[in-house]
Amino acid sequence: MDKKNNRLFKPAIFALIFMLFFTMFNFSSLTSAWAENGEEFLDAPLDEYYSDVYAEDLLPFEDFGPINEVFLKGKVISIIDETPLSADFFDARIHDLMRQQLQVEITDKPYQGQRKIVEHTASMTNPYQGVYLVPGDKVVIYGVLDQNNELQEIYIQDLVRERPIFLLAFLFVATLLVLGGLKGLGAIFTVILTGLLIWFGLLPAVLKGYNPLLGAIIVCMLVSILSTPMIAGFNRKSLSAVIGTISGVFIAGILAYYAGFQSRIVGIEFDYINLLLNIPNEVHLDLRGVFFAGVLIGSLGAVMDTGMSVASSMREIVAAHPKITFKELWKAGMNVGKDVMGMMSSTLILAYAGSALPLLLLMVAYETPALKLLNSDLIVSEIIRSLAGSIGLCLSIPITALVASYLLLKTKKS
């Protein structure tokens, strides 16, 4: 990166950091303002509402003693016995349940080679009720250890499914490297960086009680600032894309934040609330913040793609037409953005619709009334997620075009 670009990047990074703290302050002010207007709902923890629901069904974690447990790989050696469950049992009639007695060999150290007899409930029609196992199947074993760290009890947890995942991951990396070359390597870096920031940064911070939304903002900024130059180089095009991306993601977050609190949604499936509210870390999780953080992270990829497409096209236009004016370049960038806008908005909405497809199928199958459908917490959450992300994506286009017009033409003049 030359000295001119270096002088440009330093104030730009400072401006982005200022935007971060400005956003933090405004989110806090916005929440306080709503609370002063009588929206006590904003400050009421969700566990006050859901505690009554689960009071009779759920024991707190402190009621259980510590369990010395281990997860191991194993292999089904033989089926010793199979017994259909009683037809008087409702789930047995519906899902054709069967009790299997299996001989399993553990393949992981330090228990490698040990063979155990384990009982397993399987369904012939519904895998979610238990997968029917045959000799040769590789399984995940959950083991309870005694005081001497010997296996006291074992249960079959699931099938081992990592092999096809590793194969797809290898094909993914190979495809990026063969077709993309160095840029493909940058794309791999982006994927790894995003995963590391979420797994080792955002998730531990949320579990310690930090604001999930602000954590997601920091993650999105870091991913955009670090990954975009890795793919497109340290230049004004990358800077334009970064500014447009962060602006679009911020807009999506603000819109989702406002719409979410106005509609009083939780945004998380009911079954997950049960588990999240009882994590034994003595920290109250901001579940609504988790939902809003998901909106930011979910829209980041599409907004980054849009910003980079617009900025790259505008740089090519400047190279082909050195005498182009600011207004002409901005219009050209907007024209490119209009083409990208429709495709990427559809991609974003379809991605969210695909994740909610089982829920939509269930509601259609049971002929859920439109009034209930349009006011369902989960449906409204998906709509807010899709529309807020799409609006942020669309508004990132004029911002990127405006910034790129200024920076690229300034490069030409200098």
Protein backbone atom coordinates (compact mmCIF):
# COMPACT_ATOMS: atom_id res chain seq x y z
CA MET A 1 0.00 0.00 0.00
CA ASP A 2 1.55 3.37 -1.04
CA LYS A 3 1.90 6.42 1.22
CA LYS A 4 -1.19 8.15 -0.22
CA ASN A 5 -3.39 5.15 0.51
CA ASN A 6 -1.77 4.80 3.93
CA ARG A 7 -2.67 8.41 4.80
CA LEU A 8 -6.21 7.67 3.67
CA PHE A 9 -6.68 4.46 5.62
CA LYS A 10 -5.67 5.86 9.02
CA PRO A 11 -8.44 8.50 9.27
CA ALA A 12 -10.90 6.03 7.75
CA ILE A 13 -10.20 3.44 10.44
CA PHE A 14 -10.54 6.16 13.08
CA ALA A 15 -13.89 7.12 11.57
CA LEU A 16 -15.09 3.51 11.71
CA ILE A 17 -14.10 3.23 15.38
CA PHE A 18 -15.98 6.47 16.05
CA MET A 19 -19.02 4.98 14.29
CA LEU A 20 -18.82 1.97 16.61
CA PHE A 21 -18.90 4.02 19.81
CA PHE A 22 -21.53 6.33 18.35
CA THR A 23 -23.72 3.31 17.66
CA MET A 24 -23.18 1.94 21.18
CA PHE A 25 -24.27 5.26 22.67
CA ASN A 26 -27.30 5.55 20.44
CA PHE A 27 -28.52 2.00 21.14
CA SER A 28 -28.27 2.68 24.88
CA SER A 29 -30.05 6.00 24.52
CA LEU A 30 -32.76 4.46 22.36
CA THR A 31 -33.44 1.73 24.91
CA SER A 32 -33.58 4.26 27.75
CA ALA A 33 -35.96 6.47 25.81
CA TRP A 34 -38.39 3.60 25.18
CA ALA A 35 -38.22 2.58 28.84
CA GLU A 36 -39.06 6.13 29.93
CA ASN A 37 -42.08 6.08 27.63
CA GLY A 38 -43.57 3.17 29.53
CA GLU A 39 -42.02 0.25 27.66
CA GLU A 40 -41.07 -1.64 30.82
CA PHE A 41 -41.04 -4.71 28.60
CA LEU A 42 -37.59 -3.73 27.38
CA ASP A 43 -35.98 -4.08 30.77
CA ALA A 44 -37.94 -7.09 32.02
CA PRO A 45 -35.82 -10.24 31.74
CA LEU A 46 -37.38 -13.03 29.75
CA ASP A 47 -36.81 -15.54 32.51
CA GLU A 48 -39.41 -13.74 34.65
CA TYR A 49 -41.95 -14.64 32.01
CA TYR A 50 -40.82 -18.13 31.15
CA SER A 51 -39.98 -19.26 34.68
CA ASP A 52 -43.64 -19.97 35.40
CA VAL A 53 -43.93 -21.98 32.20
CA TYR A 54 -41.09 -24.30 33.09
CA ALA A 55 -41.38 -24.25 36.88
CA GLU A 56 -42.98 -27.69 37.05
CA ASP A 57 -41.02 -29.32 34.25
CA LEU A 58 -37.48 -28.08 34.68
CA LEU A 59 -35.08 -28.50 37.58
CA PRO A 60 -32.32 -25.92 37.97
CA PHE A 61 -28.81 -27.08 37.21
CA GLU A 62 -27.69 -26.70 40.81
CA ASP A 63 -30.10 -29.52 41.78
CA PHE A 64 -27.93 -31.97 39.88
CA GLY A 65 -24.59 -33.18 41.11
CA PRO A 66 -21.48 -33.05 38.92
CA ILE A 67 -21.35 -35.77 36.28
CA ASN A 68 -18.05 -37.18 35.05
CA GLU A 69 -18.85 -37.79 31.40
CA VAL A 70 -17.09 -38.49 28.13
CA PHE A 71 -17.98 -38.72 24.45
CA LEU A 72 -16.36 -41.47 22.40
CA LYS A 73 -16.57 -43.05 18.98
CA GLY A 74 -17.67 -46.63 18.63
CA LYS A 75 -18.80 -49.26 16.16
CA VAL A 76 -21.82 -51.56 16.22
CA ILE A 77 -20.54 -55.15 16.21
CA SER A 78 -23.79 -57.09 16.33
CA ILE A 79 -27.48 -56.96 17.13
CA ILE A 80 -28.16 -59.21 20.10
CA ASP A 81 -31.91 -58.71 20.30
CA GLU A 82 -34.72 -56.57 18.90
CA THR A 83 -38.09 -56.08 20.59
CA PRO A 84 -40.97 -53.93 19.30
CA LEU A 85 -42.25 -51.59 21.98
CA SER A 86 -45.75 -52.05 23.32
CA ALA A 87 -48.52 -50.88 21.01
CA ASP A 88 -50.15 -49.28 24.04
CA PHE A 89 -47.39 -46.69 24.00
CA PHE A 90 -48.60 -43.84 21.76
CA ASP A 91 -45.22 -42.99 20.19
CA ALA A 92 -44.62 -46.68 19.53
CA ARG A 93 -47.76 -46.89 17.39
CA ILE A 94 -47.04 -43.67 15.54
CA HIS A 95 -43.31 -44.14 14.90
CA ASP A 96 -42.98 -47.95 14.96
CA LEU A 97 -40.47 -47.88 17.80
CA MET A 98 -38.18 -50.80 18.54
CA ARG A 99 -35.81 -51.57 21.41
CA GLN A 100 -32.44 -52.82 20.17
CA GLN A 101 -29.85 -54.60 22.28
CA LEU A 102 -26.47 -54.03 20.63
CA GLN A 103 -22.87 -55.03 21.12
CA VAL A 104 -20.69 -51.96 20.60
CA GLU A 105 -16.91 -51.70 20.41
CA ILE A 106 -15.29 -48.44 21.50
CA THR A 107 -12.70 -47.17 19.02
CA ASP A 108 -11.34 -44.13 20.91
CA LYS A 109 -8.55 -44.17 23.47
CA PRO A 110 -8.20 -44.83 26.38
CA TYR A 111 -11.11 -47.25 26.13
CA GLN A 112 -10.25 -48.54 22.65
CA GLY A 113 -11.18 -52.18 22.09
CA GLN A 114 -13.63 -52.44 24.96
CA ARG A 115 -16.94 -54.06 24.02
CA LYS A 116 -20.15 -53.13 25.78
CA ILE A 117 -23.79 -54.17 25.63
CA VAL A 118 -26.09 -51.19 25.20
CA GLU A 119 -29.82 -50.77 24.71
CA HIS A 120 -30.99 -48.39 22.04
CA THR A 121 -34.48 -47.20 21.07
CA ALA A 122 -34.91 -46.91 17.30
CA SER A 123 -37.70 -45.96 14.94
CA MET A 124 -38.33 -47.65 11.63
CA THR A 125 -40.15 -44.58 10.26
CA ASN A 126 -38.89 -41.48 12.10
CA PRO A 127 -35.10 -41.04 12.51
CA TYR A 128 -35.63 -38.27 15.06
CA GLN A 129 -37.08 -40.86 17.42
CA GLY A 130 -33.86 -42.87 17.10
CA VAL A 131 -31.86 -44.15 14.13
CA TYR A 132 -32.17 -47.87 13.40
CA LEU A 133 -28.65 -49.30 13.70
CA VAL A 134 -27.05 -52.24 11.91
CA PRO A 135 -23.66 -53.95 12.34
CA GLY A 136 -20.86 -51.76 10.99
CA ASP A 137 -22.51 -48.44 11.86
CA LYS A 138 -20.17 -45.96 13.52
CA VAL A 139 -21.75 -44.21 16.48
CA VAL A 140 -21.11 -41.48 19.04
CA ILE A 141 -21.19 -42.92 22.55
CA TYR A 142 -22.01 -40.97 25.67
CA GLY A 143 -20.32 -42.51 28.70
CA VAL A 144 -20.69 -41.89 32.42
CA LEU A 145 -17.48 -42.53 34.37
CA ASP A 146 -17.06 -43.77 37.91
CA GLN A 147 -14.56 -42.47 40.47
CA ASN A 148 -11.78 -44.48 38.81
CA ASN A 149 -12.59 -43.01 35.38
CA GLU A 150 -13.89 -46.34 34.19
CA LEU A 151 -16.99 -46.54 32.02
CA GLN A 152 -19.96 -47.12 34.28
CA GLU A 153 -22.81 -46.56 31.83
CA ILE A 154 -22.89 -45.90 28.10
CA TYR A 155 -25.57 -44.73 25.73
CA ILE A 156 -25.65 -44.30 21.98
CA GLN A 157 -25.88 -40.58 21.32
CA ASP A 158 -25.91 -40.43 17.53
CA LEU A 159 -24.34 -41.62 14.31
CA VAL A 160 -20.83 -40.48 13.38
CA ARG A 161 -21.45 -38.02 10.54
CA GLU A 162 -18.16 -36.15 10.29
CA ARG A 163 -16.77 -37.94 7.23
CA PRO A 164 -19.08 -36.32 4.61
CA ILE A 165 -18.56 -32.97 6.33
CA PHE A 166 -14.78 -33.27 5.98
CA LEU A 167 -15.21 -34.33 2.35
CA LEU A 168 -17.39 -31.32 1.54
CA ALA A 169 -14.97 -29.02 3.37
CA PHE A 170 -12.08 -30.38 1.30
CA LEU A 171 -14.05 -29.89 -1.94
CA PHE A 172 -14.98 -26.36 -0.85
CA VAL A 173 -11.35 -25.40 -0.19
CA ALA A 174 -10.15 -27.09 -3.38
CA THR A 175 -12.79 -25.31 -5.47
CA LEU A 176 -11.85 -21.91 -4.05
CA LEU A 177 -8.13 -22.48 -4.60
CA VAL A 178 -8.45 -23.90 -8.13
CA LEU A 179 -10.93 -21.32 -9.42
CA GLY A 180 -9.97 -18.34 -7.28
CA GLY A 181 -6.23 -18.67 -6.82
CA LEU A 182 -4.95 -16.11 -4.32
CA LYS A 183 -8.39 -14.54 -4.04
CA GLY A 184 -9.77 -17.96 -3.23
CA LEU A 185 -7.19 -18.19 -0.46
CA GLY A 186 -8.45 -14.84 0.80
CA ALA A 187 -12.00 -16.20 0.78
CA ILE A 188 -10.87 -19.18 2.88
CA PHE A 189 -9.23 -16.75 5.29
CA THR A 190 -12.51 -14.84 5.55
CA VAL A 191 -14.48 -17.96 6.41
CA ILE A 192 -11.94 -19.06 9.04
CA LEU A 193 -11.67 -15.56 10.50
CA THR A 194 -15.43 -15.20 10.81
CA GLY A 195 -15.76 -18.58 12.48
CA LEU A 196 -12.95 -17.85 14.96
CA LEU A 197 -14.32 -14.43 15.88
CA ILE A 198 -17.78 -15.84 16.50
CA TRP A 199 -16.66 -18.98 18.35
CA PHE A 200 -13.85 -17.53 20.46
CA GLY A 201 -15.02 -13.91 20.65
CA LEU A 202 -18.75 -13.33 20.39
CA LEU A 203 -20.08 -16.50 22.05
CA PRO A 204 -17.86 -16.39 25.18
CA ALA A 205 -18.61 -12.67 25.56
CA VAL A 206 -22.36 -13.27 25.42
CA LEU A 207 -22.09 -16.08 27.97
CA LYS A 208 -20.25 -13.69 30.29
CA GLY A 209 -23.15 -11.25 30.12
CA TYR A 210 -21.90 -8.76 27.54
CA ASN A 211 -24.35 -7.20 25.09
CA PRO A 212 -24.75 -9.60 22.12
CA LEU A 213 -25.67 -6.80 19.74
CA LEU A 214 -22.58 -4.75 20.45
CA GLY A 215 -20.48 -7.89 20.23
CA ALA A 216 -21.95 -8.64 16.81
CA ILE A 217 -21.19 -5.08 15.68
CA ILE A 218 -17.55 -5.49 16.65
CA VAL A 219 -17.35 -8.88 14.92
CA CYS A 220 -18.90 -7.50 11.72
CA MET A 221 -16.51 -4.55 11.71
CA LEU A 222 -13.47 -6.76 12.24
CA VAL A 223 -14.53 -9.27 9.58
CA SER A 224 -15.17 -6.51 7.06
CA ILE A 225 -11.99 -4.54 7.82
CA LEU A 226 -9.69 -7.57 7.88
CA SER A 227 -11.16 -9.79 5.17
CA THR A 228 -12.01 -7.32 2.40
CA PRO A 229 -8.39 -6.15 1.87
CA MET A 230 -7.27 -9.79 1.95
CA ILE A 231 -9.49 -10.52 -1.04
CA ALA A 232 -9.26 -7.25 -3.01
CA GLY A 233 -6.01 -5.73 -1.74
CA PHE A 234 -5.27 -2.63 0.33
CA ASN A 235 -6.70 0.05 -1.93
CA ARG A 236 -9.47 2.62 -2.21
CA LYS A 237 -11.82 0.09 -3.73
CA SER A 238 -11.55 -2.04 -0.60
CA LEU A 239 -12.02 0.99 1.63
CA SER A 240 -15.19 1.92 -0.25
CA ALA A 241 -16.54 -1.61 0.12
CA VAL A 242 -15.69 -1.69 3.84
CA ILE A 243 -17.45 1.61 4.55
CA GLY A 244 -20.49 0.56 2.52
CA THR A 245 -20.62 -2.85 4.20
CA ILE A 246 -20.40 -1.54 7.76
CA SER A 247 -22.96 1.17 7.02
CA GLY A 248 -25.40 -1.35 5.54
CA VAL A 249 -24.99 -3.77 8.44
CA PHE A 250 -25.49 -0.96 10.97
CA ILE A 251 -28.68 0.09 9.21
CA ALA A 252 -29.96 -3.49 9.23
CA GLY A 253 -29.22 -3.76 12.94
CA ILE A 254 -30.94 -0.49 13.81
CA LEU A 255 -34.05 -1.40 11.81
CA ALA A 256 -34.22 -4.88 13.33
CA TYR A 257 -33.67 -3.42 16.80
CA TYR A 258 -36.48 -0.92 16.41
CA ALA A 259 -38.94 -3.31 14.75
CA GLY A 260 -38.13 -6.09 17.22
CA PHE A 261 -38.82 -4.04 20.30
CA GLN A 262 -41.90 -2.42 18.82
CA SER A 263 -43.36 -5.84 18.03
CA ARG A 264 -42.11 -7.31 21.36
CA ILE A 265 -40.68 -10.43 19.80
CA VAL A 266 -38.34 -12.89 21.44
CA GLY A 267 -36.92 -14.16 18.15
CA ILE A 268 -35.81 -17.54 19.48
CA GLU A 269 -37.57 -20.88 19.28
CA PHE A 270 -39.44 -21.86 22.42
CA ASP A 271 -37.39 -25.03 22.96
CA TYR A 272 -34.14 -23.08 22.88
CA ILE A 273 -35.43 -20.58 25.45
CA ASN A 274 -35.80 -23.46 27.89
CA LEU A 275 -32.13 -24.34 27.54
CA LEU A 276 -30.66 -20.85 27.26
CA LEU A 277 -32.39 -19.54 30.37
CA ASN A 278 -30.92 -22.37 32.44
CA ILE A 279 -27.27 -22.23 31.44
CA PRO A 280 -25.38 -22.67 34.74
CA ASN A 281 -23.21 -19.55 34.53
CA GLU A 282 -25.29 -17.25 36.75
CA VAL A 283 -25.47 -14.70 33.93
CA HIS A 284 -28.72 -13.38 32.52
CA LEU A 285 -28.62 -13.81 28.76
CA ASP A 286 -30.09 -11.06 26.63
CA LEU A 287 -32.08 -13.32 24.30
CA ARG A 288 -33.44 -10.44 22.23
CA GLY A 289 -29.89 -9.21 21.81
CA VAL A 290 -28.94 -12.68 20.57
CA PHE A 291 -31.66 -12.39 17.92
CA PHE A 292 -30.49 -8.93 16.81
CA ALA A 293 -26.89 -10.15 16.71
CA GLY A 294 -28.03 -12.94 14.41
CA VAL A 295 -29.57 -10.37 12.07
CA LEU A 296 -26.25 -8.53 11.76
CA ILE A 297 -24.14 -11.63 11.22
CA GLY A 298 -26.71 -13.15 8.85
CA SER A 299 -26.75 -10.08 6.62
CA LEU A 300 -22.98 -9.46 6.69
CA GLY A 301 -22.03 -11.81 3.87
CA ALA A 302 -24.63 -10.53 1.41
CA VAL A 303 -23.84 -6.88 2.20
CA MET A 304 -20.09 -7.50 1.82
CA ASP A 305 -20.68 -9.14 -1.55
CA THR A 306 -22.84 -6.25 -2.71
CA GLY A 307 -20.40 -3.58 -1.58
CA MET A 308 -17.44 -5.31 -3.22
CA SER A 309 -19.35 -5.85 -6.50
CA VAL A 310 -20.27 -2.17 -6.72
CA ALA A 311 -16.81 -0.89 -5.77
CA SER A 312 -15.01 -3.27 -8.16
CA SER A 313 -17.26 -2.33 -11.07
CA MET A 314 -16.74 1.36 -10.42
CA ARG A 315 -12.97 0.99 -10.41
CA GLU A 316 -13.14 -0.75 -13.79
CA ILE A 317 -15.33 2.07 -15.10
CA VAL A 318 -12.80 4.68 -13.97
CA ALA A 319 -9.99 2.72 -15.64
CA ALA A 320 -11.94 2.53 -18.92
CA HIS A 321 -13.19 6.14 -18.81
CA PRO A 322 -10.56 8.32 -17.11
CA LYS A 323 -12.49 11.55 -17.83
CA ILE A 324 -15.72 10.43 -16.19
CA THR A 325 -17.30 12.93 -13.78
CA PHE A 326 -18.35 12.36 -10.19
CA LYS A 327 -22.05 12.36 -11.07
CA GLU A 328 -21.60 9.99 -14.00
CA LEU A 329 -19.53 7.58 -11.93
CA TRP A 330 -22.07 7.60 -9.10
CA LYS A 331 -24.89 6.86 -11.55
CA ALA A 332 -22.87 4.05 -13.09
CA GLY A 333 -22.28 2.58 -9.64
CA MET A 334 -25.98 2.82 -8.87
CA ASN A 335 -26.83 1.05 -12.13
CA VAL A 336 -24.50 -1.79 -11.20
CA GLY A 337 -26.00 -1.83 -7.73
CA LYS A 338 -29.53 -2.10 -9.07
CA ASP A 339 -28.61 -5.30 -10.88
CA VAL A 340 -26.92 -6.73 -7.79
CA MET A 341 -29.70 -5.51 -5.49
CA GLY A 342 -32.44 -7.76 -6.82
CA MET A 343 -30.32 -10.89 -6.85
CA MET A 344 -28.75 -10.42 -3.43
CA SER A 345 -32.03 -9.41 -1.76
CA SER A 346 -33.62 -12.55 -3.15
CA THR A 347 -30.65 -14.58 -1.92
CA LEU A 348 -30.97 -13.15 1.58
CA ILE A 349 -34.74 -13.61 1.81
CA LEU A 350 -34.61 -17.11 0.34
CA ALA A 351 -31.89 -18.11 2.80
CA TYR A 352 -34.05 -17.07 5.74
CA ALA A 353 -37.16 -18.60 4.16
CA GLY A 354 -35.28 -21.86 3.67
CA SER A 355 -34.31 -22.00 7.34
CA ALA A 356 -37.94 -21.41 8.33
CA LEU A 357 -39.36 -23.85 5.77
CA PRO A 358 -40.30 -26.59 8.29
CA LEU A 359 -42.17 -24.03 10.38
CA LEU A 360 -43.98 -22.65 7.32
CA LEU A 361 -44.84 -26.17 6.18
CA LEU A 362 -46.28 -26.96 9.60
CA MET A 363 -48.43 -23.84 9.62
CA VAL A 364 -49.74 -24.45 6.11
CA ALA A 365 -50.47 -28.11 6.90
CA TYR A 366 -52.57 -27.11 9.90
CA GLU A 367 -54.22 -24.25 7.98
CA THR A 368 -53.05 -21.60 10.42
CA PRO A 369 -55.22 -18.45 10.09
CA ALA A 370 -53.51 -15.44 8.52
CA LEU A 371 -54.12 -13.36 11.66
CA LYS A 372 -52.20 -15.86 13.78
CA LEU A 373 -49.56 -16.42 11.10
CA LEU A 374 -48.69 -12.74 10.69
CA ASN A 375 -48.53 -12.20 14.44
CA SER A 376 -46.59 -15.34 15.37
CA ASP A 377 -43.35 -14.53 17.19
CA LEU A 378 -41.20 -16.79 15.01
CA ILE A 379 -42.82 -15.71 11.72
CA VAL A 380 -42.51 -12.01 12.61
CA SER A 381 -38.90 -12.66 13.62
CA GLU A 382 -38.08 -14.17 10.23
CA ILE A 383 -39.85 -11.31 8.42
CA ILE A 384 -37.92 -8.71 10.42
CA ARG A 385 -34.69 -10.61 9.82
CA SER A 386 -35.29 -10.78 6.06
CA LEU A 387 -36.57 -7.24 5.51
CA ALA A 388 -34.08 -5.49 7.79
CA GLY A 389 -31.19 -7.33 6.16
CA SER A 390 -32.50 -6.57 2.67
CA ILE A 391 -32.98 -2.87 3.44
CA GLY A 392 -29.46 -2.66 4.85
CA LEU A 393 -28.17 -4.41 1.73
CA CYS A 394 -30.00 -2.01 -0.58
CA LEU A 395 -28.88 1.12 1.28
CA SER A 396 -25.28 -0.06 1.26
CA ILE A 397 -25.31 0.41 -2.52
CA PRO A 398 -25.69 4.23 -2.67
CA ILE A 399 -23.29 4.59 0.27
CA THR A 400 -20.65 2.45 -1.44
CA ALA A 401 -21.22 4.24 -4.76
CA LEU A 402 -20.89 7.65 -3.11
CA VAL A 403 -17.71 6.77 -1.22
CA ALA A 404 -16.17 4.99 -4.21
CA SER A 405 -16.92 7.94 -6.52
CA TYR A 406 -15.07 10.28 -4.19
CA LEU A 407 -12.11 8.02 -3.46
CA LEU A 408 -11.55 6.67 -6.98
CA LEU A 409 -11.76 10.09 -8.64
CA LYS A 410 -9.47 11.53 -5.97
CA THR A 411 -6.95 8.83 -6.85
CA LYS A 412 -7.17 9.80 -10.51
CA LYS A 413 -6.62 13.50 -9.80
CA SER A 414 -3.71 12.87 -7.46
